[in-house]
Amino acid sequence: MEKENFDLERVIIRPMNPGEEKTIAKIGRSAFGFFEALFVSVPRHAMVADYEGNIAGGILYKPMNLPGGKKVLYMDIGFVHPDYQGMGVGKKLYSETFRMLWETDCDYMTALVKDDNIGSYKPLLQNGYRRVSCKEVLKKFGFLGFFKQYLGTVWFLAGGMDFYMAERKKEKQEEKRFPILCYFLSNLLLLLPMFGMLLLENNNPEKVCFMFLAFATILFALFATRSLGALIAKRKWKFRFNNGGALLTLLLGLGNSLFPMNGNWYLEDYENSEKDRKSMACTELVRWFVFLFLPLAQLGGTVYGKSLAQLAQVFMVYSLIPIYPFEHLGAGRIYRYNKWLWLITTVITIAVLYFYS
């Protein structure tokens, strides 16, 4: 589609027609990378951007009825056909979709978005959405409603993702406090079942305590190195704790592995520009450099040192992968800034891991 011949006024936003389900799914998959495309299913409910009979984009959503008669529309996936990207289709699709869906008398709309994906979360913020905490969702939906939303979506597995919500009746927004404390406490609490199992298996409280200390050290190292990277970038930042992926963290923890829920520094006025991508990558480059040396802790021969070295190496492997659900652990920001830089850091990391082995 040539931009000079495109007329945005001729784009019509409408509900999906019967028989269009497979076509919409196919177009949706074409708008994402290979792995993310696997999550695009054949929709039961969707709004589409129709341009002269061609589907230029769509938003797949799921109605959910919660206890108390509350109706929620969960925005599953939004996309624009590659041929129509950069032409204003996405902005019109989002604004018109939300306007039309509010007319269905729903009480809330919700969505999950990757932490750095400004192309998806910016349209949400422009249309009345905001990032919300688990505590606020519990307050609005109740215990059963929260778990229906939590388990009825990919929220429980969505590492590095934020939960967004829009309300028909605007109420006073909850002030978000102590995100750094939430980051540490949530991760440490999710590790407790694993340490309970280790204690039963080993019957060695001292060893388990040192392993727990090693986990805490890795979390602190993540926070400290990313904070140093943010200071080096000399920009205005906010720390944000992503509330997705708790179950994934718990399950991998039970397998004696480290896959923390994410907490990171985010630019207050982030745009998808080279300058901002460079600043965001800085938080991960400092983290990457420091983690190259953490496995040296095993040279001391202590239980703590060996545990710290083992966990650091596991995390280093995870942080090489620039695709979901691993990208939030570091590689995603480096890859989006410069693919060659990501390749160089990957090769160095593999060489260092081979040396330690």
Protein backbone atom coordinates (compact mmCIF):
# COMPACT_ATOMS: atom_id res chain seq x y z
CA MET A 1 0.00 0.00 0.00
CA GLU A 2 1.51 3.35 -1.10
CA LYS A 3 1.10 6.10 1.48
CA GLU A 4 0.40 8.82 -1.08
CA ASN A 5 -2.65 6.90 -2.34
CA PHE A 6 -3.97 6.01 1.10
CA ASP A 7 -7.00 7.83 2.53
CA LEU A 8 -7.50 7.29 6.28
CA GLU A 9 -11.05 8.65 6.03
CA ARG A 10 -12.01 5.55 4.05
CA VAL A 11 -10.98 3.23 6.88
CA ILE A 12 -14.08 1.85 8.60
CA ILE A 13 -13.89 0.37 12.10
CA ARG A 14 -16.48 -2.38 12.49
CA PRO A 15 -17.12 -5.69 14.31
CA MET A 16 -15.77 -8.85 12.74
CA ASN A 17 -18.17 -10.50 10.26
CA PRO A 18 -18.91 -14.25 10.34
CA GLY A 19 -16.38 -16.14 8.22
CA GLU A 20 -13.56 -13.64 8.72
CA GLU A 21 -12.05 -15.38 11.73
CA LYS A 22 -9.25 -17.26 9.95
CA THR A 23 -8.36 -14.29 7.75
CA ILE A 24 -8.04 -12.04 10.79
CA ALA A 25 -5.84 -14.59 12.57
CA LYS A 26 -3.61 -14.91 9.48
CA ILE A 27 -3.18 -11.14 9.17
CA GLY A 28 -2.55 -10.84 12.89
CA ARG A 29 0.25 -13.41 12.73
CA SER A 30 1.87 -11.55 9.83
CA ALA A 31 2.14 -8.43 12.03
CA PHE A 32 4.32 -10.17 14.65
CA GLY A 33 7.59 -12.05 14.80
CA PHE A 34 7.59 -15.84 14.55
CA PHE A 35 7.37 -16.64 18.26
CA GLU A 36 4.82 -13.95 19.16
CA ALA A 37 2.70 -14.97 16.16
CA LEU A 38 2.11 -18.31 17.88
CA PHE A 39 -0.04 -16.51 20.46
CA VAL A 40 -2.45 -15.14 17.83
CA SER A 41 -5.43 -17.50 17.83
CA VAL A 42 -8.56 -17.60 15.71
CA PRO A 43 -10.80 -14.99 17.37
CA ARG A 44 -14.33 -15.33 18.67
CA HIS A 45 -14.68 -11.57 19.13
CA ALA A 46 -12.84 -8.87 17.21
CA MET A 47 -13.03 -5.34 15.85
CA VAL A 48 -11.37 -4.69 12.50
CA ALA A 49 -10.14 -1.78 10.43
CA ASP A 50 -11.69 -2.23 6.98
CA TYR A 51 -10.10 -0.38 4.05
CA GLU A 52 -12.08 -0.83 0.85
CA GLY A 53 -12.89 -4.44 1.71
CA ASN A 54 -9.41 -5.31 2.98
CA ILE A 55 -8.66 -5.91 6.64
CA ALA A 56 -5.96 -3.41 7.61
CA GLY A 57 -5.85 -4.26 11.32
CA GLY A 58 -7.77 -5.68 14.22
CA ILE A 59 -8.24 -5.94 17.97
CA LEU A 60 -9.12 -9.34 19.39
CA TYR A 61 -10.96 -9.26 22.70
CA LYS A 62 -12.59 -11.56 25.22
CA PRO A 63 -15.77 -10.77 27.22
CA MET A 64 -15.57 -11.86 30.86
CA ASN A 65 -18.45 -11.77 33.34
CA LEU A 66 -17.24 -11.35 36.90
CA PRO A 67 -19.06 -11.96 40.20
CA GLY A 68 -21.35 -9.09 41.13
CA GLY A 69 -22.56 -8.63 37.57
CA LYS A 70 -19.44 -6.76 36.43
CA LYS A 71 -18.66 -7.05 32.75
CA VAL A 72 -15.05 -6.87 31.59
CA LEU A 73 -13.70 -6.81 28.05
CA TYR A 74 -10.13 -8.08 27.93
CA MET A 75 -8.18 -6.74 24.94
CA ASP A 76 -6.22 -9.80 23.88
CA ILE A 77 -4.18 -8.65 20.87
CA GLY A 78 -4.11 -5.55 18.69
CA PHE A 79 -2.31 -5.33 15.35
CA VAL A 80 -2.04 -3.48 12.05
CA HIS A 81 -1.34 -5.25 8.76
CA PRO A 82 2.31 -4.62 7.74
CA ASP A 83 1.13 -2.91 4.54
CA TYR A 84 -0.81 -0.30 6.53
CA GLN A 85 1.59 0.44 9.36
CA GLY A 86 2.64 4.05 9.89
CA MET A 87 -0.50 5.45 8.25
CA GLY A 88 -2.60 6.26 11.30
CA VAL A 89 -4.66 3.06 11.08
CA GLY A 90 -3.66 1.90 14.55
CA LYS A 91 -4.63 5.15 16.24
CA LYS A 92 -8.05 5.17 14.56
CA LEU A 93 -8.56 1.46 15.23
CA TYR A 94 -7.92 1.86 18.96
CA SER A 95 -9.94 5.02 19.52
CA GLU A 96 -12.98 3.86 17.52
CA THR A 97 -12.87 0.35 18.96
CA PHE A 98 -12.92 1.60 22.53
CA ARG A 99 -15.67 4.10 21.78
CA MET A 100 -17.85 1.38 20.25
CA LEU A 101 -17.12 -1.20 22.95
CA TRP A 102 -18.07 1.21 25.74
CA GLU A 103 -21.49 1.32 24.09
CA THR A 104 -21.92 -2.39 24.94
CA ASP A 105 -22.32 -1.35 28.61
CA CYS A 106 -19.17 -3.04 29.86
CA ASP A 107 -17.84 -1.83 33.20
CA TYR A 108 -14.13 -2.28 32.59
CA MET A 109 -11.63 -2.91 29.80
CA THR A 110 -8.32 -4.57 30.53
CA ALA A 111 -5.14 -5.44 28.65
CA LEU A 112 -1.62 -6.78 29.08
CA VAL A 113 1.32 -5.07 27.37
CA LYS A 114 5.06 -5.72 27.36
CA ASP A 115 6.84 -3.17 29.49
CA ASP A 116 8.80 -1.42 26.69
CA ASN A 117 6.16 -1.73 23.96
CA ILE A 118 5.22 1.92 23.53
CA GLY A 119 3.42 1.12 20.26
CA SER A 120 0.84 -0.82 22.27
CA TYR A 121 0.65 0.94 25.63
CA LYS A 122 0.61 4.50 24.28
CA PRO A 123 -2.76 4.02 22.48
CA LEU A 124 -4.14 2.53 25.71
CA LEU A 125 -3.02 5.52 27.77
CA GLN A 126 -4.52 7.85 25.16
CA ASN A 127 -7.88 6.09 25.51
CA GLY A 128 -8.39 6.09 29.25
CA TYR A 129 -6.32 3.10 30.32
CA ARG A 130 -3.73 3.18 33.08
CA ARG A 131 -1.32 0.75 34.63
CA VAL A 132 -2.78 -0.79 37.76
CA SER A 133 -1.48 -2.97 40.58
CA CYS A 134 -2.77 -6.38 41.67
CA LYS A 135 -4.01 -4.70 44.84
CA GLU A 136 -6.20 -2.32 42.85
CA VAL A 137 -7.60 -5.10 40.65
CA LEU A 138 -8.50 -7.04 43.81
CA LYS A 139 -10.25 -3.96 45.16
CA LYS A 140 -12.26 -3.40 41.97
CA PHE A 141 -13.06 -7.01 41.02
CA GLY A 142 -13.06 -8.83 44.35
CA PHE A 143 -11.17 -12.02 45.13
CA LEU A 144 -13.00 -14.30 42.69
CA GLY A 145 -13.10 -11.67 39.97
CA PHE A 146 -9.38 -11.06 40.32
CA PHE A 147 -8.56 -14.73 39.87
CA LYS A 148 -10.91 -15.07 36.93
CA GLN A 149 -9.06 -12.21 35.25
CA TYR A 150 -5.70 -13.55 36.40
CA LEU A 151 -6.16 -17.15 35.27
CA GLY A 152 -8.48 -16.40 32.33
CA THR A 153 -5.71 -14.47 30.59
CA VAL A 154 -1.94 -14.95 30.28
CA TRP A 155 -1.33 -12.54 33.17
CA PHE A 156 -0.03 -15.31 35.44
CA LEU A 157 2.64 -16.26 32.86
CA ALA A 158 3.30 -12.84 31.31
CA GLY A 159 6.77 -12.05 32.62
CA GLY A 160 7.84 -8.46 31.92
CA MET A 161 4.29 -7.33 31.22
CA ASP A 162 2.07 -4.69 32.84
CA PHE A 163 -1.66 -4.91 33.49
CA TYR A 164 -3.77 -2.00 32.21
CA MET A 165 -7.37 -1.13 33.02
CA ALA A 166 -9.97 1.43 31.93
CA GLU A 167 -13.17 2.10 33.89
CA ARG A 168 -16.59 3.32 32.82
CA LYS A 169 -17.08 5.09 36.14
CA LYS A 170 -13.94 7.06 36.88
CA GLU A 171 -12.88 6.74 40.49
CA LYS A 172 -9.98 8.17 42.42
CA GLN A 173 -6.80 6.55 41.21
CA GLU A 174 -4.68 4.59 43.61
CA GLU A 175 -1.33 6.17 44.28
CA LYS A 176 1.42 3.68 43.50
CA ARG A 177 3.86 3.42 46.36
CA PHE A 178 7.07 1.57 47.08
CA PRO A 179 7.56 -0.22 43.71
CA ILE A 180 11.14 -1.17 44.64
CA LEU A 181 9.96 -2.78 47.88
CA CYS A 182 7.20 -4.64 45.97
CA TYR A 183 9.82 -5.91 43.52
CA PHE A 184 12.01 -7.44 46.22
CA LEU A 185 9.23 -8.78 48.45
CA SER A 186 7.26 -10.37 45.60
CA ASN A 187 10.29 -12.18 44.23
CA LEU A 188 11.49 -13.38 47.62
CA LEU A 189 8.01 -14.59 48.60
CA LEU A 190 7.71 -16.53 45.34
CA LEU A 191 10.98 -18.28 46.16
CA LEU A 192 9.87 -19.47 49.61
CA PRO A 193 8.11 -22.66 48.36
CA MET A 194 11.31 -23.71 46.60
CA PHE A 195 13.37 -23.24 49.73
CA GLY A 196 10.80 -25.17 51.72
CA MET A 197 11.24 -28.10 49.33
CA LEU A 198 15.02 -27.84 49.52
CA LEU A 199 14.88 -27.88 53.31
CA LEU A 200 12.77 -31.05 53.28
CA GLU A 201 15.08 -32.73 50.77
CA ASN A 202 18.44 -31.72 52.29
CA ASN A 203 17.58 -31.28 55.96
CA ASN A 204 20.39 -28.71 56.01
CA PRO A 205 19.04 -25.33 57.16
CA GLU A 206 22.44 -23.64 56.89
CA LYS A 207 22.88 -24.62 53.24
CA VAL A 208 19.35 -23.52 52.36
CA CYS A 209 19.88 -20.18 54.10
CA PHE A 210 23.02 -19.54 52.05
CA MET A 211 21.13 -20.42 48.85
CA PHE A 212 18.37 -18.01 49.80
CA LEU A 213 21.00 -15.34 50.40
CA ALA A 214 22.42 -16.05 46.95
CA PHE A 215 18.99 -15.53 45.37
CA ALA A 216 18.60 -12.27 47.26
CA THR A 217 22.06 -11.18 46.07
CA ILE A 218 21.12 -11.78 42.43
CA LEU A 219 17.97 -9.68 42.86
CA PHE A 220 19.96 -6.90 44.49
CA ALA A 221 22.61 -7.09 41.76
CA LEU A 222 19.89 -6.77 39.12
CA PHE A 223 18.47 -3.70 40.80
CA ALA A 224 21.84 -2.09 41.56
CA THR A 225 23.38 -2.57 38.11
CA ARG A 226 20.28 -1.37 36.28
CA SER A 227 20.15 1.64 38.60
CA LEU A 228 23.78 2.43 37.80
CA GLY A 229 23.01 2.19 34.09
CA ALA A 230 20.13 4.62 34.53
CA LEU A 231 22.43 7.06 36.35
CA ILE A 232 24.99 6.85 33.56
CA ALA A 233 22.29 7.61 30.97
CA LYS A 234 21.48 10.87 32.83
CA ARG A 235 17.78 10.95 32.02
CA LYS A 236 14.55 11.22 34.03
CA TRP A 237 13.57 7.72 35.13
CA LYS A 238 10.91 5.93 37.16
CA PHE A 239 11.24 2.47 38.65
CA ARG A 240 8.34 0.20 37.74
CA PHE A 241 7.52 -3.26 39.01
CA ASN A 242 5.84 -5.37 36.31
CA ASN A 243 3.00 -7.39 37.81
CA GLY A 244 2.84 -10.19 35.24
CA GLY A 245 4.48 -13.62 35.38
CA ALA A 246 4.18 -14.62 39.04
CA LEU A 247 3.23 -18.24 38.30
CA LEU A 248 6.09 -18.62 35.82
CA THR A 249 8.51 -17.33 38.45
CA LEU A 250 7.09 -19.75 41.03
CA LEU A 251 7.21 -22.80 38.73
CA LEU A 252 10.77 -22.18 37.56
CA GLY A 253 11.78 -21.49 41.16
CA LEU A 254 10.48 -24.93 42.12
CA GLY A 255 12.86 -26.25 39.47
CA ASN A 256 15.77 -24.57 41.29
CA SER A 257 16.08 -21.92 38.58
CA LEU A 258 15.96 -18.13 38.68
CA PHE A 259 13.43 -16.26 36.59
CA PRO A 260 12.48 -13.15 38.56
CA MET A 261 9.42 -11.02 38.08
CA ASN A 262 10.70 -7.89 36.44
CA GLY A 263 11.41 -4.52 37.95
CA ASN A 264 13.30 -1.95 35.94
CA TRP A 265 13.88 1.72 35.25
CA TYR A 266 11.76 3.38 32.56
CA LEU A 267 12.12 6.78 30.94
CA GLU A 268 9.40 9.18 32.05
CA ASP A 269 8.92 10.43 28.49
CA TYR A 270 9.82 7.42 26.38
CA GLU A 271 9.57 7.47 22.61
CA ASN A 272 10.71 4.72 20.27
CA SER A 273 13.71 6.78 19.09
CA GLU A 274 17.36 5.79 18.77
CA LYS A 275 18.31 8.10 21.64
CA ASP A 276 15.74 6.55 23.98
CA ARG A 277 16.55 3.00 22.91
CA LYS A 278 20.20 3.75 23.69
CA SER A 279 19.32 5.03 27.16
CA MET A 280 17.17 1.96 27.87
CA ALA A 281 19.94 -0.35 26.64
CA CYS A 282 22.37 1.33 29.03
CA THR A 283 20.53 -0.14 32.02
CA GLU A 284 21.16 -3.64 30.63
CA LEU A 285 24.73 -3.15 29.38
CA VAL A 286 25.92 -2.26 32.87
CA ARG A 287 24.01 -5.25 34.26
CA TRP A 288 25.53 -7.51 31.60
CA PHE A 289 29.09 -6.39 32.33
CA VAL A 290 28.82 -6.92 36.09
CA PHE A 291 27.16 -10.32 35.74
CA LEU A 292 30.10 -11.56 33.68
CA PHE A 293 32.14 -11.54 36.89
CA LEU A 294 29.60 -12.85 39.42
CA PRO A 295 30.41 -16.53 38.73
CA LEU A 296 33.91 -15.87 40.13
CA ALA A 297 32.24 -16.17 43.54
CA GLN A 298 32.62 -19.95 43.24
CA LEU A 299 36.39 -19.64 43.66
CA GLY A 300 35.88 -19.08 47.37
CA GLY A 301 34.58 -22.64 47.71
CA THR A 302 31.73 -21.63 50.04
CA VAL A 303 28.16 -22.80 49.72
CA TYR A 304 27.09 -19.18 49.25
CA GLY A 305 29.71 -18.56 46.55
CA LYS A 306 28.87 -21.72 44.62
CA SER A 307 25.13 -20.97 44.80
CA LEU A 308 25.68 -17.39 43.67
CA ALA A 309 27.84 -18.52 40.75
CA GLN A 310 25.31 -21.14 39.67
CA LEU A 311 22.37 -18.72 39.76
CA ALA A 312 24.34 -16.00 37.97
CA GLN A 313 25.16 -18.39 35.13
CA VAL A 314 21.54 -19.48 34.80
CA PHE A 315 20.44 -15.86 34.64
CA MET A 316 23.16 -15.05 32.09
CA VAL A 317 21.76 -17.73 29.78
CA TYR A 318 18.21 -16.40 30.13
CA SER A 319 19.37 -12.83 29.53
CA LEU A 320 20.80 -13.73 26.12
CA ILE A 321 17.37 -14.39 24.62
CA PRO A 322 15.73 -11.32 23.01
CA ILE A 323 12.26 -12.80 22.54
CA TYR A 324 9.27 -13.16 24.84
CA PRO A 325 9.11 -14.31 27.62
CA PHE A 326 12.86 -13.79 28.20
CA GLU A 327 13.47 -10.39 26.62
CA HIS A 328 12.66 -8.42 29.78
CA LEU A 329 15.63 -10.03 31.50
CA GLY A 330 18.02 -7.88 29.47
CA ALA A 331 18.53 -8.94 25.87
CA GLY A 332 15.41 -7.21 24.56
CA ARG A 333 16.64 -3.67 25.21
CA ILE A 334 20.11 -4.35 23.82
CA TYR A 335 18.67 -6.07 20.73
CA ARG A 336 16.23 -3.26 19.99
CA TYR A 337 19.00 -0.68 20.26
CA ASN A 338 21.60 -2.47 18.13
CA LYS A 339 21.45 -6.05 16.87
CA TRP A 340 25.22 -6.19 16.33
CA LEU A 341 25.82 -5.08 19.91
CA TRP A 342 23.46 -7.81 21.09
CA LEU A 343 25.40 -10.37 19.01
CA ILE A 344 28.74 -9.21 20.45
CA THR A 345 27.47 -9.41 24.05
CA THR A 346 25.99 -12.83 23.32
CA VAL A 347 29.24 -14.24 21.91
CA ILE A 348 31.24 -12.85 24.84
CA THR A 349 28.76 -14.28 27.35
CA ILE A 350 28.85 -17.75 25.76
CA ALA A 351 32.67 -17.66 25.79
CA VAL A 352 32.71 -16.63 29.46
CA LEU A 353 30.18 -19.33 30.41
CA TYR A 354 32.34 -21.91 28.61
CA PHE A 355 35.36 -20.70 30.58
CA TYR A 356 33.53 -21.05 33.90
CA SER A 357 32.34 -24.54 33.00
